[in-house]
Amino acid sequence: MSSDAPETPVSTPDVIDESNLLRSVIRLAWPVVVQQLSFATVQLVDTALVGDLGEDALAGVRLAGQVFWLSLSGMTAVGVGATAVIARAVGARRSGDADKTLRTAAILALIWGIGVGVGMWFLGGWSLGLMGAEEGAKHEGTTYLRAAAIGMPFWSLMFAGSAALQGAGDTRLPMAISIVVNVVNGILSYILINGIGPAPQWDVMGAAVGYAISAVLGAFITFGALALRSGVLYWSPARAAEFDPGEARRILNVGVPAGMEQGQFMFAFMIYTRVIATLGTTAVAAHGVTLALQGLTFGVGFAISVATSAIVGQCLGAGRPDLAEKATYMAMKYSIAFLAVMGLVFIAFGGPITGIFIGGEDAAGVIDLGRDLLFIFAFAMPALGASLSISGALRGAGDTRSVLLITAGSTWIVRLVPAYLLAITFGLGVQGAWMAAVLDINFRTLLLIVRFRQGKWKQMKV
């Protein structure tokens, strides 16, 4: 069907059970929770394995992670754009247009992944230096980035394929693929870091090689499954090179602001990390471990955000903005509740949890700092839950520009400036920098709620 065909509203999209909105959100969200938990678990396992190699290895890999996150800006642009456009098409029962969007998104993702891989190979060490990595940590981080660069085109493809499936309301297939990929990653990393059996002992490089191989596997599984025509979306290998400029414009019109949001946040976060790096390797190691732990709890909130994006997009495609609004508020309530409980866990058990992921002579200092940071961040958790749900709804509606402006303004003004003042000027150290992060998240959430309540997202076109 032509993409110019009118979108005929229907009463309710397939992804929604109007009589039980909670069930609809849970049905979409729980596979994403499992997907995120599997990813976060492997990250934590990698962190623990690398942590046994010492502070330099741990700090280098965690700083390399900041560079990797920056590369997610382009993946986010393609993924968010594909999710929103495909959700509208599926909600309006236009599967042919959804397939066309998928093909175009895959090509955009591949182009971005190749560019990022080249950049990581040649500029990885330079970027680590900008973040203030000490010589030992810089060497380890550069080694990691160069080995991981090989997997970036495949990771980008897998990311786009998963986002497309989620926009179509299929969160279970990305979950299953993620579990397989992350198990393979964890096993290979363990073998190659430690040199188990006939495998070489590659230390930090082993973790990156495990990641690269698992990314290749994930891309092939994702698009192999899409080629089987077993669900709403279909990817034809024979038509894989068909690039539609019109669909690319639609994807990028929605996605570029989301990518810019991700990119500016990661760039700001690199500066934020640079502030922390001036406080020494112990501060960087504690900061990195705490971020990994944060990611473990972040999974549920992110899953609800993904579910909300799909629901809002499909509801708007079906002509039901009222249903989209109800589902968003319901999702926000449960996201807040879960993350608030996790905040209490951080307050009560921050020290013992941190201690699981660091060993060696320097462990005591990292554990003490990690306990403090988890205690501080607990006061951002309820707001983070609300922020994830509301921003997911706005992105699903295509209102990505407002999310960009709110996130950028809050990050640069409310986080970075206070972070420097509290950590350096007032001598509060890394704890002061994390206090600024708490301030930023709470302020940003307030602005996002105001934007959502204005209701302009209901009239967005994608």
Foldseek 3Di string as FASTA:
>chain_A
DDPPDDQAFDDAAPLADLVCLPVSLCVQQPLLLLLLLLVLVLVLLLLQLLQVVDLLSNLLQLLLVLLVLLLCLQLQLLLLLLLQVLLLCRLSVNLVVNQQLLLQSLVSLLVSQLVSLVCLLPCVLVLSVVLPRDPSNSVNNSLLSNLLSLQRSLLSNLSNLCSSCLLNVDSNVNSVLSNVLSVQLSVQLVCQCCVPDPHHNPNSNSSSNSNSVSSNVSSCSSLVVLCVPPDSYHHPPVCSPDHDVVSVCSSNLLRNLSSLLSNLLSVLVSVLSSLQVVVDSLSSSLVSLLVSVVSSLVSSLLSSLSSLLSNLSSCLSNVHNVSSVVSLVVSLVVLLVSQLVVLVVLQVCQLVVSLSRHDDPSSVSSSVSRSLLSNLCSLQRSLSSLQSSLQSNLSSLSVSNQLSVLSNVLSVPQQNVQLCCQQPVVPPHPSSNSNSVSRSSNSSSVSSVVVVVVPPSSPDDD
